[in-house]
C-alpha atoms as a PDB file:
ATOM      1  CA  MET A   1     -46.179 -20.411 -36.359  1.00  0.00           C
ATOM      2  CA  SER A   2     -47.598 -17.569 -34.295  1.00  0.00           C
ATOM      3  CA  SER A   3     -49.393 -15.959 -37.253  1.00  0.00           C
ATOM      4  CA  ASN A   4     -51.432 -19.141 -37.663  1.00  0.00           C
ATOM      5  CA  ALA A   5     -52.419 -19.464 -34.014  1.00  0.00           C
ATOM      6  CA  PRO A   6     -55.809 -17.688 -34.277  1.00  0.00           C
ATOM      7  CA  LEU A   7     -56.572 -19.690 -37.405  1.00  0.00           C
ATOM      8  CA  LEU A   8     -55.711 -22.941 -35.639  1.00  0.00           C
ATOM      9  CA  ILE A   9     -58.205 -22.206 -32.873  1.00  0.00           C
ATOM     10  CA  ALA A  10     -60.932 -21.487 -35.444  1.00  0.00           C
ATOM     11  CA  ALA A  11     -59.982 -24.500 -37.565  1.00  0.00           C
ATOM     12  CA  SER A  12     -60.317 -27.067 -34.804  1.00  0.00           C
ATOM     13  CA  ALA A  13     -64.096 -26.700 -34.515  1.00  0.00           C
ATOM     14  CA  VAL A  14     -64.963 -26.624 -38.233  1.00  0.00           C
ATOM     15  CA  ASN A  15     -65.767 -29.608 -40.449  1.00  0.00           C
ATOM     16  CA  LEU A  16     -65.646 -29.030 -44.212  1.00  0.00           C
ATOM     17  CA  LYS A  17     -65.512 -32.636 -45.406  1.00  0.00           C
ATOM     18  CA  GLY A  18     -67.595 -33.236 -48.524  1.00  0.00           C
ATOM     19  CA  ARG A  19     -68.455 -29.551 -49.049  1.00  0.00           C
ATOM     20  CA  SER A  20     -68.862 -28.051 -52.484  1.00  0.00           C
ATOM     21  CA  CYS A  21     -67.344 -24.631 -53.114  1.00  0.00           C
ATOM     22  CA  LEU A  22     -69.245 -22.576 -55.679  1.00  0.00           C
ATOM     23  CA  THR A  23     -68.673 -19.265 -53.913  1.00  0.00           C
ATOM     24  CA  LEU A  24     -67.104 -18.161 -50.629  1.00  0.00           C
ATOM     25  CA  LYS A  25     -70.375 -16.373 -49.944  1.00  0.00           C
ATOM     26  CA  ASP A  26     -71.508 -19.773 -48.622  1.00  0.00           C
ATOM     27  CA  PHE A  27     -68.602 -20.045 -46.150  1.00  0.00           C
ATOM     28  CA  SER A  28     -68.398 -18.518 -42.699  1.00  0.00           C
ATOM     29  CA  SER A  29     -65.452 -16.615 -41.285  1.00  0.00           C
ATOM     30  CA  ASP A  30     -64.264 -19.669 -39.337  1.00  0.00           C
ATOM     31  CA  GLU A  31     -64.628 -21.934 -42.371  1.00  0.00           C
ATOM     32  CA  ILE A  32     -62.504 -19.648 -44.560  1.00  0.00           C
ATOM     33  CA  LYS A  33     -59.919 -19.359 -41.798  1.00  0.00           C
ATOM     34  CA  LYS A  34     -59.787 -23.145 -41.591  1.00  0.00           C
ATOM     35  CA  LEU A  35     -59.184 -23.416 -45.347  1.00  0.00           C
ATOM     36  CA  LEU A  36     -56.311 -20.938 -45.045  1.00  0.00           C
ATOM     37  CA  TRP A  37     -54.840 -22.698 -42.016  1.00  0.00           C
ATOM     38  CA  MET A  38     -55.001 -26.098 -43.749  1.00  0.00           C
ATOM     39  CA  SER A  39     -53.370 -24.629 -46.875  1.00  0.00           C
ATOM     40  CA  GLY A  40     -50.491 -23.192 -44.878  1.00  0.00           C
ATOM     41  CA  ASP A  41     -50.110 -26.424 -42.939  1.00  0.00           C
ATOM     42  CA  LEU A  42     -49.963 -28.572 -46.094  1.00  0.00           C
ATOM     43  CA  LYS A  43     -47.489 -26.188 -47.686  1.00  0.00           C
ATOM     44  CA  HIS A  44     -45.197 -26.334 -44.652  1.00  0.00           C
ATOM     45  CA  ARG A  45     -45.372 -30.111 -44.275  1.00  0.00           C
ATOM     46  CA  ILE A  46     -45.000 -31.018 -47.961  1.00  0.00           C
ATOM     47  CA  LYS A  47     -42.765 -28.240 -49.313  1.00  0.00           C
ATOM     48  CA  HIS A  48     -40.543 -27.530 -46.320  1.00  0.00           C
ATOM     49  CA  GLU A  49     -40.658 -30.697 -44.210  1.00  0.00           C
ATOM     50  CA  LYS A  50     -40.730 -32.966 -47.304  1.00  0.00           C
ATOM     51  CA  GLU A  51     -43.521 -35.111 -45.859  1.00  0.00           C
ATOM     52  CA  TYR A  52     -45.417 -37.536 -48.064  1.00  0.00           C
ATOM     53  CA  LEU A  53     -49.152 -37.193 -47.389  1.00  0.00           C
ATOM     54  CA  PRO A  54     -51.217 -39.480 -49.643  1.00  0.00           C
ATOM     55  CA  LEU A  55     -54.488 -38.181 -48.201  1.00  0.00           C
ATOM     56  CA  LEU A  56     -56.325 -38.663 -51.511  1.00  0.00           C
ATOM     57  CA  ARG A  57     -54.922 -42.062 -52.474  1.00  0.00           C
ATOM     58  CA  GLY A  58     -57.510 -43.959 -54.503  1.00  0.00           C
ATOM     59  CA  LYS A  59     -59.518 -40.799 -55.227  1.00  0.00           C
ATOM     60  CA  SER A  60     -60.118 -39.314 -58.670  1.00  0.00           C
ATOM     61  CA  LEU A  61     -60.912 -35.773 -59.803  1.00  0.00           C
ATOM     62  CA  ALA A  62     -62.753 -34.727 -62.969  1.00  0.00           C
ATOM     63  CA  MET A  63     -61.482 -31.369 -64.268  1.00  0.00           C
ATOM     64  CA  ILE A  64     -63.960 -29.726 -66.659  1.00  0.00           C
ATOM     65  CA  PHE A  65     -62.389 -26.798 -68.518  1.00  0.00           C
ATOM     66  CA  GLU A  66     -64.585 -24.708 -70.813  1.00  0.00           C
ATOM     67  CA  LYS A  67     -61.937 -21.955 -70.459  1.00  0.00           C
ATOM     68  CA  ARG A  68     -58.180 -22.568 -70.635  1.00  0.00           C
ATOM     69  CA  SER A  69     -55.837 -21.710 -67.749  1.00  0.00           C
ATOM     70  CA  THR A  70     -52.183 -22.348 -66.899  1.00  0.00           C
ATOM     71  CA  ARG A  71     -52.496 -21.837 -63.139  1.00  0.00           C
ATOM     72  CA  THR A  72     -55.814 -23.592 -62.550  1.00  0.00           C
ATOM     73  CA  ARG A  73     -54.825 -26.666 -64.540  1.00  0.00           C
ATOM     74  CA  MET A  74     -51.278 -26.998 -63.187  1.00  0.00           C
ATOM     75  CA  SER A  75     -52.149 -26.213 -59.566  1.00  0.00           C
ATOM     76  CA  THR A  76     -55.049 -28.673 -59.568  1.00  0.00           C
ATOM     77  CA  GLU A  77     -53.218 -31.513 -61.317  1.00  0.00           C
ATOM     78  CA  THR A  78     -50.003 -31.188 -59.295  1.00  0.00           C
ATOM     79  CA  GLY A  79     -51.827 -30.588 -56.017  1.00  0.00           C
ATOM     80  CA  PHE A  80     -54.180 -33.546 -56.395  1.00  0.00           C
ATOM     81  CA  ALA A  81     -51.317 -35.819 -57.484  1.00  0.00           C
ATOM     82  CA  LEU A  82     -49.141 -34.710 -54.538  1.00  0.00           C
ATOM     83  CA  LEU A  83     -51.873 -35.995 -52.238  1.00  0.00           C
ATOM     84  CA  GLY A  84     -51.972 -39.341 -54.062  1.00  0.00           C
ATOM     85  CA  GLY A  85     -55.060 -38.712 -56.175  1.00  0.00           C
ATOM     86  CA  HIS A  86     -55.652 -39.085 -59.915  1.00  0.00           C
ATOM     87  CA  PRO A  87     -56.762 -35.964 -61.853  1.00  0.00           C
ATOM     88  CA  CYS A  88     -58.591 -36.397 -65.171  1.00  0.00           C
ATOM     89  CA  PHE A  89     -58.499 -33.364 -67.476  1.00  0.00           C
ATOM     90  CA  LEU A  90     -61.561 -32.782 -69.696  1.00  0.00           C
ATOM     91  CA  THR A  91     -61.567 -30.011 -72.313  1.00  0.00           C
ATOM     92  CA  SER A  92     -64.470 -28.818 -74.430  1.00  0.00           C
ATOM     93  CA  GLN A  93     -63.257 -31.391 -76.979  1.00  0.00           C
ATOM     94  CA  ASP A  94     -63.921 -34.163 -74.456  1.00  0.00           C
ATOM     95  CA  ILE A  95     -67.106 -32.962 -72.805  1.00  0.00           C
ATOM     96  CA  HIS A  96     -69.767 -30.581 -74.121  1.00  0.00           C
ATOM     97  CA  LEU A  97     -71.814 -29.506 -71.132  1.00  0.00           C
ATOM     98  CA  GLY A  98     -75.422 -29.011 -72.147  1.00  0.00           C
ATOM     99  CA  VAL A  99     -74.670 -29.792 -75.810  1.00  0.00           C
ATOM    100  CA  ASN A 100     -73.946 -33.470 -76.410  1.00  0.00           C
ATOM    101  CA  GLU A 101     -75.181 -34.304 -72.915  1.00  0.00           C
ATOM    102  CA  SER A 102     -77.148 -32.278 -70.414  1.00  0.00           C
ATOM    103  CA  SER A 103     -75.441 -30.914 -67.316  1.00  0.00           C
ATOM    104  CA  THR A 104     -77.882 -32.991 -65.272  1.00  0.00           C
ATOM    105  CA  ASP A 105     -76.796 -36.233 -66.913  1.00  0.00           C
ATOM    106  CA  THR A 106     -73.120 -35.254 -66.818  1.00  0.00           C
ATOM    107  CA  ALA A 107     -73.330 -34.576 -63.074  1.00  0.00           C
ATOM    108  CA  ARG A 108     -74.936 -37.953 -62.410  1.00  0.00           C
ATOM    109  CA  VAL A 109     -72.481 -39.830 -64.628  1.00  0.00           C
ATOM    110  CA  LEU A 110     -69.431 -38.209 -63.046  1.00  0.00           C
ATOM    111  CA  SER A 111     -70.836 -38.883 -59.575  1.00  0.00           C
ATOM    112  CA  GLY A 112     -70.443 -42.583 -60.306  1.00  0.00           C
ATOM    113  CA  LEU A 113     -67.011 -42.297 -61.914  1.00  0.00           C
ATOM    114  CA  CYS A 114     -65.024 -39.952 -59.660  1.00  0.00           C
ATOM    115  CA  ASP A 115     -64.952 -38.420 -56.200  1.00  0.00           C
ATOM    116  CA  ILE A 116     -64.938 -34.696 -56.945  1.00  0.00           C
ATOM    117  CA  VAL A 117     -65.439 -32.324 -59.864  1.00  0.00           C
ATOM    118  CA  LEU A 118     -63.626 -29.046 -60.500  1.00  0.00           C
ATOM    119  CA  ALA A 119     -65.318 -27.046 -63.249  1.00  0.00           C
ATOM    120  CA  ARG A 120     -64.014 -23.914 -64.970  1.00  0.00           C
ATOM    121  CA  VAL A 121     -66.998 -22.582 -66.878  1.00  0.00           C
ATOM    122  CA  TYR A 122     -68.433 -19.548 -68.615  1.00  0.00           C
ATOM    123  CA  ASN A 123     -71.768 -19.424 -66.773  1.00  0.00           C
ATOM    124  CA  HIS A 124     -72.189 -19.769 -63.015  1.00  0.00           C
ATOM    125  CA  SER A 125     -75.576 -21.396 -63.632  1.00  0.00           C
ATOM    126  CA  THR A 126     -73.708 -24.405 -65.064  1.00  0.00           C
ATOM    127  CA  LEU A 127     -72.007 -24.943 -61.695  1.00  0.00           C
ATOM    128  CA  GLU A 128     -75.305 -24.589 -59.865  1.00  0.00           C
ATOM    129  CA  GLU A 129     -76.872 -27.247 -62.068  1.00  0.00           C
ATOM    130  CA  LEU A 130     -73.923 -29.607 -61.586  1.00  0.00           C
ATOM    131  CA  HIS A 131     -74.101 -29.059 -57.829  1.00  0.00           C
ATOM    132  CA  LYS A 132     -77.861 -29.691 -57.767  1.00  0.00           C
ATOM    133  CA  GLU A 133     -77.611 -33.007 -59.591  1.00  0.00           C
ATOM    134  CA  ALA A 134     -74.271 -34.410 -58.373  1.00  0.00           C
ATOM    135  CA  SER A 135     -73.807 -36.571 -55.282  1.00  0.00           C
ATOM    136  CA  ILE A 136     -70.123 -35.522 -55.005  1.00  0.00           C
ATOM    137  CA  PRO A 137     -68.548 -32.118 -54.239  1.00  0.00           C
ATOM    138  CA  ILE A 138     -68.360 -29.513 -57.026  1.00  0.00           C
ATOM    139  CA  ILE A 139     -65.543 -26.947 -56.946  1.00  0.00           C
ATOM    140  CA  ASN A 140     -65.726 -23.685 -58.859  1.00  0.00           C
ATOM    141  CA  GLY A 141     -62.519 -23.358 -60.884  1.00  0.00           C
ATOM    142  CA  LEU A 142     -63.864 -20.061 -62.259  1.00  0.00           C
ATOM    143  CA  SER A 143     -67.212 -18.782 -63.484  1.00  0.00           C
ATOM    144  CA  ASP A 144     -68.503 -15.470 -64.779  1.00  0.00           C
ATOM    145  CA  LEU A 145     -69.584 -14.528 -61.246  1.00  0.00           C
ATOM    146  CA  PHE A 146     -66.928 -15.890 -58.877  1.00  0.00           C
ATOM    147  CA  HIS A 147     -63.363 -17.203 -58.641  1.00  0.00           C
ATOM    148  CA  PRO A 148     -63.128 -18.516 -55.047  1.00  0.00           C
ATOM    149  CA  ILE A 149     -59.964 -20.610 -55.398  1.00  0.00           C
ATOM    150  CA  GLN A 150     -58.069 -17.527 -56.571  1.00  0.00           C
ATOM    151  CA  ILE A 151     -59.100 -15.488 -53.538  1.00  0.00           C
ATOM    152  CA  LEU A 152     -57.993 -18.227 -51.135  1.00  0.00           C
ATOM    153  CA  ALA A 153     -54.542 -18.093 -52.754  1.00  0.00           C
ATOM    154  CA  ASP A 154     -54.508 -14.303 -52.514  1.00  0.00           C
ATOM    155  CA  PHE A 155     -55.318 -14.261 -48.821  1.00  0.00           C
ATOM    156  CA  LEU A 156     -52.824 -17.048 -48.052  1.00  0.00           C
ATOM    157  CA  THR A 157     -50.169 -14.958 -49.813  1.00  0.00           C
ATOM    158  CA  LEU A 158     -51.048 -11.852 -47.798  1.00  0.00           C
ATOM    159  CA  GLN A 159     -51.161 -13.835 -44.560  1.00  0.00           C
ATOM    160  CA  GLU A 160     -47.673 -15.192 -45.234  1.00  0.00           C
ATOM    161  CA  HIS A 161     -46.323 -11.739 -46.082  1.00  0.00           C
ATOM    162  CA  TYR A 162     -47.934  -9.628 -43.362  1.00  0.00           C
ATOM    163  CA  GLY A 163     -48.281 -12.288 -40.658  1.00  0.00           C
ATOM    164  CA  SER A 164     -51.953 -11.453 -40.084  1.00  0.00           C
ATOM    165  CA  LEU A 165     -54.914 -10.445 -42.218  1.00  0.00           C
ATOM    166  CA  SER A 166     -57.132  -8.612 -39.746  1.00  0.00           C
ATOM    167  CA  GLY A 167     -56.881  -4.850 -40.166  1.00  0.00           C
ATOM    168  CA  LEU A 168     -55.289  -4.896 -43.629  1.00  0.00           C
ATOM    169  CA  THR A 169     -56.714  -2.743 -46.404  1.00  0.00           C
ATOM    170  CA  VAL A 170     -56.942  -4.183 -49.916  1.00  0.00           C
ATOM    171  CA  SER A 171     -57.588  -1.862 -52.866  1.00  0.00           C
ATOM    172  CA  TRP A 172     -58.981  -3.212 -56.111  1.00  0.00           C
ATOM    173  CA  ILE A 173     -58.336  -1.009 -59.146  1.00  0.00           C
ATOM    174  CA  GLY A 174     -59.878  -2.396 -62.326  1.00  0.00           C
ATOM    175  CA  ASP A 175     -62.895  -4.252 -63.665  1.00  0.00           C
ATOM    176  CA  GLY A 176     -65.879  -5.245 -61.529  1.00  0.00           C
ATOM    177  CA  ASN A 177     -65.398  -8.901 -62.381  1.00  0.00           C
ATOM    178  CA  ASN A 178     -65.557 -12.393 -60.874  1.00  0.00           C
ATOM    179  CA  VAL A 179     -62.296 -12.046 -58.929  1.00  0.00           C
ATOM    180  CA  LEU A 180     -63.500  -8.800 -57.344  1.00  0.00           C
ATOM    181  CA  HIS A 181     -66.827 -10.448 -56.510  1.00  0.00           C
ATOM    182  CA  SER A 182     -64.968 -13.154 -54.593  1.00  0.00           C
ATOM    183  CA  PHE A 183     -62.912 -10.549 -52.719  1.00  0.00           C
ATOM    184  CA  MET A 184     -66.179  -8.872 -51.761  1.00  0.00           C
ATOM    185  CA  MET A 185     -67.617 -12.119 -50.389  1.00  0.00           C
ATOM    186  CA  THR A 186     -64.490 -12.858 -48.338  1.00  0.00           C
ATOM    187  CA  ALA A 187     -62.611  -9.770 -47.147  1.00  0.00           C
ATOM    188  CA  ALA A 188     -64.903  -8.661 -44.321  1.00  0.00           C
ATOM    189  CA  LYS A 189     -65.050 -12.197 -42.910  1.00  0.00           C
ATOM    190  CA  LEU A 190     -61.279 -11.999 -42.411  1.00  0.00           C
ATOM    191  CA  GLY A 191     -61.319  -8.484 -40.939  1.00  0.00           C
ATOM    192  CA  VAL A 192     -59.974  -6.948 -44.148  1.00  0.00           C
ATOM    193  CA  HIS A 193     -61.061  -3.492 -45.361  1.00  0.00           C
ATOM    194  CA  LEU A 194     -61.828  -3.250 -49.077  1.00  0.00           C
ATOM    195  CA  LYS A 195     -61.589  -0.237 -51.388  1.00  0.00           C
ATOM    196  CA  ILE A 196     -62.835  -0.620 -54.955  1.00  0.00           C
ATOM    197  CA  ALA A 197     -62.193   1.636 -57.955  1.00  0.00           C
ATOM    198  CA  THR A 198     -63.918   0.730 -61.220  1.00  0.00           C
ATOM    199  CA  PRO A 199     -64.695   2.879 -64.261  1.00  0.00           C
ATOM    200  CA  LYS A 200     -68.294   3.963 -64.606  1.00  0.00           C
ATOM    201  CA  GLY A 201     -70.225   1.187 -66.282  1.00  0.00           C
ATOM    202  CA  TYR A 202     -67.873  -1.519 -64.992  1.00  0.00           C
ATOM    203  CA  GLU A 203     -69.039  -1.688 -61.379  1.00  0.00           C
ATOM    204  CA  PRO A 204     -69.525  -5.029 -59.583  1.00  0.00           C
ATOM    205  CA  GLU A 205     -72.968  -6.663 -59.621  1.00  0.00           C
ATOM    206  CA  LYS A 206     -75.528  -4.768 -57.514  1.00  0.00           C
ATOM    207  CA  SER A 207     -76.630  -7.838 -55.556  1.00  0.00           C
ATOM    208  CA  ILE A 208     -73.006  -8.600 -54.678  1.00  0.00           C
ATOM    209  CA  VAL A 209     -72.438  -4.990 -53.585  1.00  0.00           C
ATOM    210  CA  GLN A 210     -75.452  -5.252 -51.291  1.00  0.00           C
ATOM    211  CA  GLU A 211     -74.182  -8.494 -49.738  1.00  0.00           C
ATOM    212  CA  ALA A 212     -70.690  -7.014 -49.323  1.00  0.00           C
ATOM    213  CA  GLN A 213     -72.169  -3.987 -47.566  1.00  0.00           C
ATOM    214  CA  ARG A 214     -74.061  -6.297 -45.227  1.00  0.00           C
ATOM    215  CA  LEU A 215     -70.910  -8.308 -44.482  1.00  0.00           C
ATOM    216  CA  SER A 216     -68.878  -5.146 -43.900  1.00  0.00           C
ATOM    217  CA  LYS A 217     -71.412  -3.892 -41.390  1.00  0.00           C
ATOM    218  CA  GLN A 218     -71.604  -7.309 -39.689  1.00  0.00           C
ATOM    219  CA  HIS A 219     -67.832  -7.641 -39.312  1.00  0.00           C
ATOM    220  CA  GLY A 220     -67.010  -3.977 -38.668  1.00  0.00           C
ATOM    221  CA  THR A 221     -64.864  -3.385 -41.750  1.00  0.00           C
ATOM    222  CA  GLN A 222     -64.727  -0.570 -44.271  1.00  0.00           C
ATOM    223  CA  LEU A 223     -66.076  -0.911 -47.822  1.00  0.00           C
ATOM    224  CA  VAL A 224     -65.462   1.942 -50.277  1.00  0.00           C
ATOM    225  CA  LEU A 225     -66.651   2.118 -53.886  1.00  0.00           C
ATOM    226  CA  THR A 226     -65.340   4.843 -56.188  1.00  0.00           C
ATOM    227  CA  SER A 227     -64.317   5.540 -59.778  1.00  0.00           C
ATOM    228  CA  ASP A 228     -61.072   7.244 -58.698  1.00  0.00           C
ATOM    229  CA  PRO A 229     -58.035   4.885 -58.600  1.00  0.00           C
ATOM    230  CA  MET A 230     -55.987   7.236 -56.424  1.00  0.00           C
ATOM    231  CA  GLU A 231     -58.796   7.519 -53.880  1.00  0.00           C
ATOM    232  CA  ALA A 232     -58.922   3.727 -53.645  1.00  0.00           C
ATOM    233  CA  ALA A 233     -55.131   3.465 -53.353  1.00  0.00           C
ATOM    234  CA  HIS A 234     -54.836   6.061 -50.581  1.00  0.00           C
ATOM    235  CA  GLY A 235     -53.623   4.511 -47.310  1.00  0.00           C
ATOM    236  CA  THR A 236     -53.886   0.923 -48.552  1.00  0.00           C
ATOM    237  CA  ASN A 237     -51.671  -2.082 -47.815  1.00  0.00           C
ATOM    238  CA  VAL A 238     -52.377  -4.001 -51.020  1.00  0.00           C
ATOM    239  CA  LEU A 239     -52.990  -2.915 -54.609  1.00  0.00           C
ATOM    240  CA  VAL A 240     -54.784  -5.494 -56.751  1.00  0.00           C
ATOM    241  CA  THR A 241     -55.849  -5.588 -60.363  1.00  0.00           C
ATOM    242  CA  ASP A 242     -56.773  -8.153 -63.007  1.00  0.00           C
ATOM    243  CA  THR A 243     -57.251  -8.355 -66.748  1.00  0.00           C
ATOM    244  CA  TRP A 244     -59.413  -5.660 -68.281  1.00  0.00           C
ATOM    245  CA  VAL A 245     -60.503  -7.985 -71.092  1.00  0.00           C
ATOM    246  CA  SER A 246     -61.574 -11.454 -69.959  1.00  0.00           C
ATOM    247  CA  MET A 247     -61.990 -14.487 -72.192  1.00  0.00           C
ATOM    248  CA  GLY A 248     -65.209 -14.004 -74.137  1.00  0.00           C
ATOM    249  CA  GLN A 249     -64.878 -10.180 -74.128  1.00  0.00           C
ATOM    250  CA  GLU A 250     -62.372  -9.876 -76.986  1.00  0.00           C
ATOM    251  CA  GLU A 251     -64.808  -7.922 -79.180  1.00  0.00           C
ATOM    252  CA  GLU A 252     -65.001  -5.258 -76.454  1.00  0.00           C
ATOM    253  CA  LYS A 253     -61.213  -4.835 -76.216  1.00  0.00           C
ATOM    254  CA  LYS A 254     -60.884  -1.484 -78.001  1.00  0.00           C
ATOM    255  CA  LYS A 255     -63.678   0.114 -75.968  1.00  0.00           C
ATOM    256  CA  ARG A 256     -62.449  -1.366 -72.706  1.00  0.00           C
ATOM    257  CA  LEU A 257     -58.870  -0.129 -73.195  1.00  0.00           C
ATOM    258  CA  LYS A 258     -60.261   3.369 -73.749  1.00  0.00           C
ATOM    259  CA  ASP A 259     -62.616   3.201 -70.753  1.00  0.00           C
ATOM    260  CA  PHE A 260     -59.856   1.961 -68.426  1.00  0.00           C
ATOM    261  CA  GLN A 261     -57.373   4.741 -69.218  1.00  0.00           C
ATOM    262  CA  GLY A 262     -55.862   6.003 -65.959  1.00  0.00           C
ATOM    263  CA  TYR A 263     -56.322   2.651 -64.203  1.00  0.00           C
ATOM    264  CA  GLN A 264     -52.827   1.254 -64.794  1.00  0.00           C
ATOM    265  CA  ILE A 265     -51.086   0.555 -61.482  1.00  0.00           C
ATOM    266  CA  THR A 266     -47.713   2.305 -61.298  1.00  0.00           C
ATOM    267  CA  MET A 267     -45.331   3.506 -58.604  1.00  0.00           C
ATOM    268  CA  GLN A 268     -47.300   6.756 -58.674  1.00  0.00           C
ATOM    269  CA  THR A 269     -50.394   4.793 -57.623  1.00  0.00           C
ATOM    270  CA  GLY A 270     -48.359   3.273 -54.803  1.00  0.00           C
ATOM    271  CA  SER A 271     -47.063   6.680 -53.692  1.00  0.00           C
ATOM    272  CA  VAL A 272     -50.318   7.337 -51.796  1.00  0.00           C
ATOM    273  CA  ALA A 273     -50.467   3.822 -50.295  1.00  0.00           C
ATOM    274  CA  LYS A 274     -48.909   2.783 -46.975  1.00  0.00           C
ATOM    275  CA  PRO A 275     -45.108   2.398 -46.895  1.00  0.00           C
ATOM    276  CA  ASP A 276     -45.415  -1.415 -46.769  1.00  0.00           C
ATOM    277  CA  TRP A 277     -47.721  -1.688 -49.772  1.00  0.00           C
ATOM    278  CA  THR A 278     -47.650  -4.778 -51.968  1.00  0.00           C
ATOM    279  CA  PHE A 279     -49.148  -5.796 -55.297  1.00  0.00           C
ATOM    280  CA  LEU A 280     -51.262  -8.779 -56.429  1.00  0.00           C
ATOM    281  CA  HIS A 281     -52.460  -9.927 -59.859  1.00  0.00           C
ATOM    282  CA  CYS A 282     -54.025 -13.327 -60.587  1.00  0.00           C
ATOM    283  CA  LEU A 283     -52.331 -13.494 -64.036  1.00  0.00           C
ATOM    284  CA  PRO A 284     -51.935 -13.530 -66.963  1.00  0.00           C
ATOM    285  CA  ARG A 285     -51.001  -9.857 -66.917  1.00  0.00           C
ATOM    286  CA  LYS A 286     -50.957  -7.234 -69.656  1.00  0.00           C
ATOM    287  CA  MET A 287     -48.782  -4.090 -69.633  1.00  0.00           C
ATOM    288  CA  GLU A 288     -51.770  -1.751 -69.649  1.00  0.00           C
ATOM    289  CA  GLU A 289     -52.926  -3.126 -66.280  1.00  0.00           C
ATOM    290  CA  VAL A 290     -49.653  -2.705 -64.353  1.00  0.00           C
ATOM    291  CA  ASP A 291     -46.254  -1.488 -65.507  1.00  0.00           C
ATOM    292  CA  ASP A 292     -43.009  -3.466 -65.278  1.00  0.00           C
ATOM    293  CA  GLN A 293     -41.644  -1.261 -62.493  1.00  0.00           C
ATOM    294  CA  VAL A 294     -44.376  -2.484 -60.139  1.00  0.00           C
ATOM    295  CA  PHE A 295     -44.911  -5.971 -61.565  1.00  0.00           C
ATOM    296  CA  TYR A 296     -41.261  -7.045 -61.237  1.00  0.00           C
ATOM    297  CA  SER A 297     -40.499  -5.091 -58.070  1.00  0.00           C
ATOM    298  CA  SER A 298     -39.941  -6.456 -54.568  1.00  0.00           C
ATOM    299  CA  ARG A 299     -43.439  -5.210 -53.738  1.00  0.00           C
ATOM    300  CA  SER A 300     -44.980  -7.640 -56.200  1.00  0.00           C
ATOM    301  CA  LEU A 301     -46.223 -10.920 -54.704  1.00  0.00           C
ATOM    302  CA  VAL A 302     -47.608 -12.282 -57.974  1.00  0.00           C
ATOM    303  CA  PHE A 303     -45.366 -15.343 -58.247  1.00  0.00           C
ATOM    304  CA  PRO A 304     -45.829 -16.565 -54.632  1.00  0.00           C
ATOM    305  CA  GLU A 305     -49.524 -15.845 -55.255  1.00  0.00           C
ATOM    306  CA  ALA A 306     -49.475 -18.109 -58.327  1.00  0.00           C
ATOM    307  CA  GLU A 307     -47.709 -20.896 -56.396  1.00  0.00           C
ATOM    308  CA  ASN A 308     -50.238 -20.652 -53.585  1.00  0.00           C
ATOM    309  CA  ARG A 309     -52.956 -21.649 -56.023  1.00  0.00           C
ATOM    310  CA  LYS A 310     -51.595 -25.180 -55.587  1.00  0.00           C
ATOM    311  CA  TRP A 311     -51.663 -25.203 -51.797  1.00  0.00           C
ATOM    312  CA  THR A 312     -55.146 -23.697 -51.524  1.00  0.00           C
ATOM    313  CA  ILE A 313     -56.709 -25.923 -54.185  1.00  0.00           C
ATOM    314  CA  MET A 314     -55.444 -28.956 -52.264  1.00  0.00           C
ATOM    315  CA  VAL A 315     -57.670 -28.118 -49.298  1.00  0.00           C
ATOM    316  CA  SER A 316     -60.638 -27.326 -51.544  1.00  0.00           C
ATOM    317  CA  GLU A 317     -60.433 -30.922 -52.776  1.00  0.00           C
END
């Protein structure tokens, strides 16, 4: 496919075997492009060409879930199994990181029992400790700081829809959370401009803003931070939002709903975007974040985006 040609050139010279993925901050432009190319290639060969590719036959995956998730669990289990591997799901009932057993000991034990670990955790420091002590790759299934596997799915979805990523503008309207942080560590490396609107007091982490500014300057892209949703939406290709109340923030719900008034994405928000604008949301979605008219419209790519979690997690493994 012609849209993949530049990615194919970049992919050929990059070796990612055995790499952990805690954050896409650690990955170069060519490495991210290779991950996207491999995802698209696997999707085409398995879904459309009906090829059987048991690339992970005999391999096992430990899935540590401190936080529940439909998409992360299903995409990881089905993706790993499609490649011939055996996923093992571990909830907080099965494994208490740092409680019944230290993260250090858990990392060393799992290194002898499986070939890779995907961990969905509350604190990013837990992933860093697992990575430090394990002799096998550690994949971030979500932490308080980053959600790299989600952003790979998002960019694969946009690449499929627009044919190319370079030159697109993505506008984030919502909380300065882990998903936004991963966008900020990735967009410039793919030639994507990023506009961010967050309410005052809900901005992304300062250190991540500084790194994003450095990346934007290095790659010649635009980075805009504002508290005005319409300013962020103006002239954009893609409107993106996420939950305003993440797991663990339930006690803040009333205050957050008040602070985020005016941030719901509607057709009025899209009226100042480019004519070809689309919408992304990593799900699950609440009505206050985006109305039905946008969410279920032809502009919404949320369900292809959810499916692409499977194809991108397969290359992370």
